[in-house]
Amino acid sequence: MGVYVVSSKYNGGSEVLHPHSGNIIEQLDSPESVAQSILTAVKYRKTPKRAQQIRGSVMHLDLQKQFSVMVQATLEGL
């Protein structure tokens, strides 16, 4: 956790990435596009501060928090 991510627009990762936490490969079938995304990622070395920022940006997706939301929604629906 807390690592800059390279993803594609064909999976769920693209829905939660922000410019400071990762980037999206625009054209997955293009070696140049893949290379550009990787080159961008290597500029974002993992540091304790950056790891905390990235972790904070996805904290709302934490399983425990999401589970609590699902349980509450289920109980309200009864």
PDB file of N, CA and C in Angstrom:
ATOM      1  N   MET A   1       0.847  -1.172   0.000  1.00  0.00           N
ATOM      2  CA  MET A   1       0.000   0.000   0.000  1.00  0.00           C
ATOM      3  C   MET A   1       0.893   1.235   0.000  1.00  0.00           C
ATOM      4  N   GLY A   2       0.419   2.264  -0.625  1.00  0.00           N
ATOM      5  CA  GLY A   2       1.178   3.496  -0.646  1.00  0.00           C
ATOM      6  C   GLY A   2       2.182   3.597  -1.769  1.00  0.00           C
ATOM      7  N   VAL A   3       2.016   2.766  -2.799  1.00  0.00           N
ATOM      8  CA  VAL A   3       2.920   2.769  -3.943  1.00  0.00           C
ATOM      9  C   VAL A   3       2.188   3.379  -5.133  1.00  0.00           C
ATOM     10  N   TYR A   4       2.880   4.197  -5.898  1.00  0.00           N
ATOM     11  CA  TYR A   4       2.322   4.785  -7.114  1.00  0.00           C
ATOM     12  C   TYR A   4       1.945   3.652  -8.068  1.00  0.00           C
ATOM     13  N   VAL A   5       0.751   3.693  -8.628  1.00  0.00           N
ATOM     14  CA  VAL A   5       0.199   2.592  -9.419  1.00  0.00           C
ATOM     15  C   VAL A   5       0.095   2.969 -10.889  1.00  0.00           C
ATOM     16  N   VAL A   6       0.401   2.009 -11.747  1.00  0.00           N
ATOM     17  CA  VAL A   6       0.146   2.137 -13.181  1.00  0.00           C
ATOM     18  C   VAL A   6      -0.964   1.151 -13.495  1.00  0.00           C
ATOM     19  N   SER A   7      -2.037   1.636 -14.096  1.00  0.00           N
ATOM     20  CA  SER A   7      -3.193   0.793 -14.369  1.00  0.00           C
ATOM     21  C   SER A   7      -3.718   1.080 -15.768  1.00  0.00           C
ATOM     22  N   SER A   8      -4.741   0.336 -16.160  1.00  0.00           N
ATOM     23  CA  SER A   8      -5.394   0.604 -17.441  1.00  0.00           C
ATOM     24  C   SER A   8      -6.818   1.071 -17.170  1.00  0.00           C
ATOM     25  N   LYS A   9      -7.475   1.550 -18.191  1.00  0.00           N
ATOM     26  CA  LYS A   9      -8.856   1.992 -18.022  1.00  0.00           C
ATOM     27  C   LYS A   9      -9.830   0.819 -18.098  1.00  0.00           C
ATOM     28  N   TYR A  10      -9.312  -0.383 -18.152  1.00  0.00           N
ATOM     29  CA  TYR A  10     -10.147  -1.569 -18.297  1.00  0.00           C
ATOM     30  C   TYR A  10     -10.347  -2.326 -16.994  1.00  0.00           C
ATOM     31  N   ASN A  11      -9.994  -1.733 -15.879  1.00  0.00           N
ATOM     32  CA  ASN A  11     -10.238  -2.384 -14.593  1.00  0.00           C
ATOM     33  C   ASN A  11     -10.645  -1.341 -13.563  1.00  0.00           C
ATOM     34  N   GLY A  12     -10.981  -1.768 -12.388  1.00  0.00           N
ATOM     35  CA  GLY A  12     -11.461  -0.864 -11.352  1.00  0.00           C
ATOM     36  C   GLY A  12     -10.432   0.103 -10.811  1.00  0.00           C
ATOM     37  N   GLY A  13      -9.159  -0.193 -11.022  1.00  0.00           N
ATOM     38  CA  GLY A  13      -8.121   0.691 -10.515  1.00  0.00           C
ATOM     39  C   GLY A  13      -8.233   2.100 -11.062  1.00  0.00           C
ATOM     40  N   SER A  14      -8.661   2.196 -12.301  1.00  0.00           N
ATOM     41  CA  SER A  14      -8.756   3.509 -12.939  1.00  0.00           C
ATOM     42  C   SER A  14      -9.803   4.401 -12.280  1.00  0.00           C
ATOM     43  N   GLU A  15     -10.749   3.797 -11.570  1.00  0.00           N
ATOM     44  CA  GLU A  15     -11.808   4.574 -10.929  1.00  0.00           C
ATOM     45  C   GLU A  15     -11.351   5.272  -9.654  1.00  0.00           C
ATOM     46  N   VAL A  16     -10.277   4.797  -9.062  1.00  0.00           N
ATOM     47  CA  VAL A  16      -9.849   5.367  -7.783  1.00  0.00           C
ATOM     48  C   VAL A  16      -8.507   6.080  -7.846  1.00  0.00           C
ATOM     49  N   LEU A  17      -7.832   6.009  -8.974  1.00  0.00           N
ATOM     50  CA  LEU A  17      -6.522   6.657  -9.085  1.00  0.00           C
ATOM     51  C   LEU A  17      -6.660   8.158  -9.277  1.00  0.00           C
ATOM     52  N   HIS A  18      -5.759   8.866  -8.650  1.00  0.00           N
ATOM     53  CA  HIS A  18      -5.646  10.312  -8.805  1.00  0.00           C
ATOM     54  C   HIS A  18      -4.227  10.585  -9.284  1.00  0.00           C
ATOM     55  N   PRO A  19      -3.970  11.748  -9.870  1.00  0.00           N
ATOM     56  CA  PRO A  19      -2.620  12.024 -10.390  1.00  0.00           C
ATOM     57  C   PRO A  19      -1.491  11.801  -9.384  1.00  0.00           C
ATOM     58  N   HIS A  20      -1.752  11.992  -8.095  1.00  0.00           N
ATOM     59  CA  HIS A  20      -0.688  11.796  -7.105  1.00  0.00           C
ATOM     60  C   HIS A  20      -0.557  10.344  -6.641  1.00  0.00           C
ATOM     61  N   SER A  21      -1.523   9.485  -7.021  1.00  0.00           N
ATOM     62  CA  SER A  21      -1.460   8.091  -6.566  1.00  0.00           C
ATOM     63  C   SER A  21      -1.210   7.092  -7.689  1.00  0.00           C
ATOM     64  N   GLY A  22      -1.323   7.544  -8.926  1.00  0.00           N
ATOM     65  CA  GLY A  22      -1.075   6.637 -10.039  1.00  0.00           C
ATOM     66  C   GLY A  22      -1.501   7.236 -11.363  1.00  0.00           C
ATOM     67  N   ASN A  23      -1.285   6.471 -12.428  1.00  0.00           N
ATOM     68  CA  ASN A  23      -1.725   6.944 -13.738  1.00  0.00           C
ATOM     69  C   ASN A  23      -2.313   5.805 -14.550  1.00  0.00           C
ATOM     70  N   ILE A  24      -3.036   6.188 -15.570  1.00  0.00           N
ATOM     71  CA  ILE A  24      -3.747   5.247 -16.428  1.00  0.00           C
ATOM     72  C   ILE A  24      -3.022   5.147 -17.760  1.00  0.00           C
ATOM     73  N   ILE A  25      -2.778   3.918 -18.197  1.00  0.00           N
ATOM     74  CA  ILE A  25      -2.223   3.709 -19.534  1.00  0.00           C
ATOM     75  C   ILE A  25      -3.351   4.005 -20.516  1.00  0.00           C
ATOM     76  N   GLU A  26      -3.194   5.041 -21.298  1.00  0.00           N
ATOM     77  CA  GLU A  26      -4.262   5.474 -22.193  1.00  0.00           C
ATOM     78  C   GLU A  26      -4.525   4.486 -23.326  1.00  0.00           C
ATOM     79  N   GLN A  27      -3.478   3.974 -23.917  1.00  0.00           N
ATOM     80  CA  GLN A  27      -3.630   3.031 -25.031  1.00  0.00           C
ATOM     81  C   GLN A  27      -2.843   1.772 -24.687  1.00  0.00           C
ATOM     82  N   LEU A  28      -3.550   0.785 -24.178  1.00  0.00           N
ATOM     83  CA  LEU A  28      -2.898  -0.425 -23.695  1.00  0.00           C
ATOM     84  C   LEU A  28      -2.180  -1.188 -24.799  1.00  0.00           C
ATOM     85  N   ASP A  29      -2.611  -0.997 -26.033  1.00  0.00           N
ATOM     86  CA  ASP A  29      -1.978  -1.701 -27.159  1.00  0.00           C
ATOM     87  C   ASP A  29      -0.825  -0.909 -27.773  1.00  0.00           C
ATOM     88  N   SER A  30      -0.462   0.193 -27.137  1.00  0.00           N
ATOM     89  CA  SER A  30       0.613   1.042 -27.639  1.00  0.00           C
ATOM     90  C   SER A  30       1.840   0.943 -26.733  1.00  0.00           C
ATOM     91  N   PRO A  31       2.937   0.384 -27.234  1.00  0.00           N
ATOM     92  CA  PRO A  31       4.154   0.316 -26.416  1.00  0.00           C
ATOM     93  C   PRO A  31       4.601   1.693 -25.919  1.00  0.00           C
ATOM     94  N   GLU A  32       4.397   2.717 -26.732  1.00  0.00           N
ATOM     95  CA  GLU A  32       4.792   4.069 -26.334  1.00  0.00           C
ATOM     96  C   GLU A  32       3.960   4.556 -25.147  1.00  0.00           C
ATOM     97  N   SER A  33       2.665   4.265 -25.176  1.00  0.00           N
ATOM     98  CA  SER A  33       1.786   4.676 -24.085  1.00  0.00           C
ATOM     99  C   SER A  33       2.133   3.943 -22.792  1.00  0.00           C
ATOM    100  N   VAL A  34       2.413   2.651 -22.900  1.00  0.00           N
ATOM    101  CA  VAL A  34       2.822   1.868 -21.734  1.00  0.00           C
ATOM    102  C   VAL A  34       4.140   2.411 -21.182  1.00  0.00           C
ATOM    103  N   ALA A  35       5.087   2.659 -22.067  1.00  0.00           N
ATOM    104  CA  ALA A  35       6.391   3.179 -21.649  1.00  0.00           C
ATOM    105  C   ALA A  35       6.246   4.534 -20.964  1.00  0.00           C
ATOM    106  N   GLN A  36       5.403   5.402 -21.510  1.00  0.00           N
ATOM    107  CA  GLN A  36       5.211   6.724 -20.916  1.00  0.00           C
ATOM    108  C   GLN A  36       4.641   6.613 -19.505  1.00  0.00           C
ATOM    109  N   SER A  37       3.690   5.715 -19.317  1.00  0.00           N
ATOM    110  CA  SER A  37       3.116   5.522 -17.986  1.00  0.00           C
ATOM    111  C   SER A  37       4.158   5.015 -16.996  1.00  0.00           C
ATOM    112  N   ILE A  38       5.004   4.106 -17.437  1.00  0.00           N
ATOM    113  CA  ILE A  38       6.056   3.583 -16.563  1.00  0.00           C
ATOM    114  C   ILE A  38       7.073   4.669 -16.242  1.00  0.00           C
ATOM    115  N   LEU A  39       7.451   5.460 -17.244  1.00  0.00           N
ATOM    116  CA  LEU A  39       8.400   6.552 -17.005  1.00  0.00           C
ATOM    117  C   LEU A  39       7.835   7.572 -16.020  1.00  0.00           C
ATOM    118  N   THR A  40       6.546   7.822 -16.112  1.00  0.00           N
ATOM    119  CA  THR A  40       5.907   8.726 -15.157  1.00  0.00           C
ATOM    120  C   THR A  40       5.967   8.127 -13.756  1.00  0.00           C
ATOM    121  N   ALA A  41       5.681   6.836 -13.657  1.00  0.00           N
ATOM    122  CA  ALA A  41       5.650   6.175 -12.347  1.00  0.00           C
ATOM    123  C   ALA A  41       7.006   6.188 -11.653  1.00  0.00           C
ATOM    124  N   VAL A  42       8.082   5.996 -12.394  1.00  0.00           N
ATOM    125  CA  VAL A  42       9.394   5.928 -11.738  1.00  0.00           C
ATOM    126  C   VAL A  42       9.832   7.282 -11.176  1.00  0.00           C
ATOM    127  N   LYS A  43       9.166   8.341 -11.567  1.00  0.00           N
ATOM    128  CA  LYS A  43       9.453   9.661 -11.001  1.00  0.00           C
ATOM    129  C   LYS A  43       8.880   9.796  -9.591  1.00  0.00           C
ATOM    130  N   TYR A  44       7.950   8.910  -9.244  1.00  0.00           N
ATOM    131  CA  TYR A  44       7.278   8.964  -7.949  1.00  0.00           C
ATOM    132  C   TYR A  44       7.823   7.872  -7.032  1.00  0.00           C
ATOM    133  N   ARG A  45       9.039   8.060  -6.570  1.00  0.00           N
ATOM    134  CA  ARG A  45       9.647   7.084  -5.659  1.00  0.00           C
ATOM    135  C   ARG A  45       8.849   7.027  -4.358  1.00  0.00           C
ATOM    136  N   LYS A  46       8.809   5.843  -3.786  1.00  0.00           N
ATOM    137  CA  LYS A  46       8.087   5.683  -2.529  1.00  0.00           C
ATOM    138  C   LYS A  46       8.879   6.313  -1.392  1.00  0.00           C
ATOM    139  N   THR A  47       8.239   7.217  -0.708  1.00  0.00           N
ATOM    140  CA  THR A  47       8.784   7.826   0.500  1.00  0.00           C
ATOM    141  C   THR A  47       7.711   7.679   1.582  1.00  0.00           C
ATOM    142  N   PRO A  48       8.073   7.787   2.833  1.00  0.00           N
ATOM    143  CA  PRO A  48       7.048   7.685   3.883  1.00  0.00           C
ATOM    144  C   PRO A  48       5.925   8.712   3.700  1.00  0.00           C
ATOM    145  N   LYS A  49       6.286   9.926   3.331  1.00  0.00           N
ATOM    146  CA  LYS A  49       5.271  10.966   3.145  1.00  0.00           C
ATOM    147  C   LYS A  49       4.349  10.632   1.979  1.00  0.00           C
ATOM    148  N   ARG A  50       4.913  10.237   0.858  1.00  0.00           N
ATOM    149  CA  ARG A  50       4.098   9.905  -0.308  1.00  0.00           C
ATOM    150  C   ARG A  50       3.223   8.681  -0.026  1.00  0.00           C
ATOM    151  N   ALA A  51       3.763   7.697   0.673  1.00  0.00           N
ATOM    152  CA  ALA A  51       2.981   6.510   1.018  1.00  0.00           C
ATOM    153  C   ALA A  51       1.772   6.892   1.870  1.00  0.00           C
ATOM    154  N   GLN A  52       1.960   7.791   2.834  1.00  0.00           N
ATOM    155  CA  GLN A  52       0.850   8.255   3.664  1.00  0.00           C
ATOM    156  C   GLN A  52      -0.193   8.997   2.837  1.00  0.00           C
ATOM    157  N   GLN A  53       0.253   9.829   1.908  1.00  0.00           N
ATOM    158  CA  GLN A  53      -0.679  10.564   1.058  1.00  0.00           C
ATOM    159  C   GLN A  53      -1.513   9.611   0.208  1.00  0.00           C
ATOM    160  N   ILE A  54      -0.845   8.635  -0.384  1.00  0.00           N
ATOM    161  CA  ILE A  54      -1.563   7.681  -1.231  1.00  0.00           C
ATOM    162  C   ILE A  54      -2.536   6.869  -0.383  1.00  0.00           C
ATOM    163  N   ARG A  55      -2.071   6.385   0.754  1.00  0.00           N
ATOM    164  CA  ARG A  55      -2.948   5.604   1.635  1.00  0.00           C
ATOM    165  C   ARG A  55      -4.146   6.436   2.060  1.00  0.00           C
ATOM    166  N   GLY A  56      -3.924   7.694   2.379  1.00  0.00           N
ATOM    167  CA  GLY A  56      -5.024   8.565   2.772  1.00  0.00           C
ATOM    168  C   GLY A  56      -6.042   8.770   1.665  1.00  0.00           C
ATOM    169  N   SER A  57      -5.589   8.760   0.421  1.00  0.00           N
ATOM    170  CA  SER A  57      -6.503   9.002  -0.699  1.00  0.00           C
ATOM    171  C   SER A  57      -7.435   7.825  -0.964  1.00  0.00           C
ATOM    172  N   VAL A  58      -7.106   6.648  -0.436  1.00  0.00           N
ATOM    173  CA  VAL A  58      -7.974   5.478  -0.643  1.00  0.00           C
ATOM    174  C   VAL A  58      -8.512   4.925   0.677  1.00  0.00           C
ATOM    175  N   MET A  59      -8.310   5.645   1.759  1.00  0.00           N
ATOM    176  CA  MET A  59      -8.752   5.170   3.068  1.00  0.00           C
ATOM    177  C   MET A  59     -10.253   4.880   3.092  1.00  0.00           C
ATOM    178  N   HIS A  60     -11.035   5.662   2.362  1.00  0.00           N
ATOM    179  CA  HIS A  60     -12.481   5.440   2.348  1.00  0.00           C
ATOM    180  C   HIS A  60     -12.859   4.108   1.698  1.00  0.00           C
ATOM    181  N   LEU A  61     -11.929   3.477   0.997  1.00  0.00           N
ATOM    182  CA  LEU A  61     -12.186   2.188   0.355  1.00  0.00           C
ATOM    183  C   LEU A  61     -11.755   1.006   1.224  1.00  0.00           C
ATOM    184  N   ASP A  62     -11.243   1.274   2.400  1.00  0.00           N
ATOM    185  CA  ASP A  62     -10.791   0.229   3.314  1.00  0.00           C
ATOM    186  C   ASP A  62     -11.916  -0.780   3.557  1.00  0.00           C
ATOM    187  N   LEU A  63     -11.583  -2.062   3.549  1.00  0.00           N
ATOM    188  CA  LEU A  63     -12.588  -3.118   3.678  1.00  0.00           C
ATOM    189  C   LEU A  63     -13.434  -2.961   4.932  1.00  0.00           C
ATOM    190  N   GLN A  64     -12.819  -2.640   6.042  1.00  0.00           N
ATOM    191  CA  GLN A  64     -13.585  -2.498   7.276  1.00  0.00           C
ATOM    192  C   GLN A  64     -14.621  -1.383   7.161  1.00  0.00           C
ATOM    193  N   LYS A  65     -14.243  -0.265   6.555  1.00  0.00           N
ATOM    194  CA  LYS A  65     -15.190   0.835   6.384  1.00  0.00           C
ATOM    195  C   LYS A  65     -16.291   0.458   5.405  1.00  0.00           C
ATOM    196  N   GLN A  66     -15.929  -0.176   4.306  1.00  0.00           N
ATOM    197  CA  GLN A  66     -16.925  -0.583   3.320  1.00  0.00           C
ATOM    198  C   GLN A  66     -17.868  -1.633   3.898  1.00  0.00           C
ATOM    199  N   PHE A  67     -17.344  -2.551   4.691  1.00  0.00           N
ATOM    200  CA  PHE A  67     -18.175  -3.571   5.316  1.00  0.00           C
ATOM    201  C   PHE A  67     -19.193  -2.925   6.244  1.00  0.00           C
ATOM    202  N   SER A  68     -18.763  -1.944   7.013  1.00  0.00           N
ATOM    203  CA  SER A  68     -19.676  -1.234   7.911  1.00  0.00           C
ATOM    204  C   SER A  68     -20.782  -0.547   7.124  1.00  0.00           C
ATOM    205  N   VAL A  69     -20.444   0.050   6.007  1.00  0.00           N
ATOM    206  CA  VAL A  69     -21.441   0.708   5.155  1.00  0.00           C
ATOM    207  C   VAL A  69     -22.443  -0.315   4.626  1.00  0.00           C
ATOM    208  N   MET A  70     -21.954  -1.462   4.182  1.00  0.00           N
ATOM    209  CA  MET A  70     -22.840  -2.501   3.643  1.00  0.00           C
ATOM    210  C   MET A  70     -23.768  -3.059   4.721  1.00  0.00           C
ATOM    211  N   VAL A  71     -23.237  -3.301   5.914  1.00  0.00           N
ATOM    212  CA  VAL A  71     -24.065  -3.814   7.006  1.00  0.00           C
ATOM    213  C   VAL A  71     -25.137  -2.798   7.363  1.00  0.00           C
ATOM    214  N   GLN A  72     -24.763  -1.542   7.482  1.00  0.00           N
ATOM    215  CA  GLN A  72     -25.728  -0.496   7.823  1.00  0.00           C
ATOM    216  C   GLN A  72     -26.816  -0.386   6.762  1.00  0.00           C
ATOM    217  N   ALA A  73     -26.447  -0.420   5.494  1.00  0.00           N
ATOM    218  CA  ALA A  73     -27.430  -0.341   4.410  1.00  0.00           C
ATOM    219  C   ALA A  73     -28.372  -1.538   4.447  1.00  0.00           C
ATOM    220  N   THR A  74     -27.839  -2.709   4.760  1.00  0.00           N
ATOM    221  CA  THR A  74     -28.671  -3.909   4.846  1.00  0.00           C
ATOM    222  C   THR A  74     -29.654  -3.800   6.005  1.00  0.00           C
ATOM    223  N   LEU A  75     -29.178  -3.353   7.151  1.00  0.00           N
ATOM    224  CA  LEU A  75     -30.051  -3.221   8.314  1.00  0.00           C
ATOM    225  C   LEU A  75     -31.142  -2.185   8.081  1.00  0.00           C
ATOM    226  N   GLU A  76     -30.815  -1.114   7.386  1.00  0.00           N
ATOM    227  CA  GLU A  76     -31.810  -0.083   7.092  1.00  0.00           C
ATOM    228  C   GLU A  76     -32.857  -0.586   6.111  1.00  0.00           C
ATOM    229  N   GLY A  77     -32.481  -1.545   5.271  1.00  0.00           N
ATOM    230  CA  GLY A  77     -33.408  -2.087   4.278  1.00  0.00           C
ATOM    231  C   GLY A  77     -34.361  -3.126   4.840  1.00  0.00           C
ATOM    232  N   LEU A  78     -34.151  -3.557   6.088  1.00  0.00           N
ATOM    233  CA  LEU A  78     -35.012  -4.596   6.685  1.00  0.00           C
ATOM    234  C   LEU A  78     -36.305  -4.039   7.201  1.00  0.00           C
TER     235      LEU A  78
END
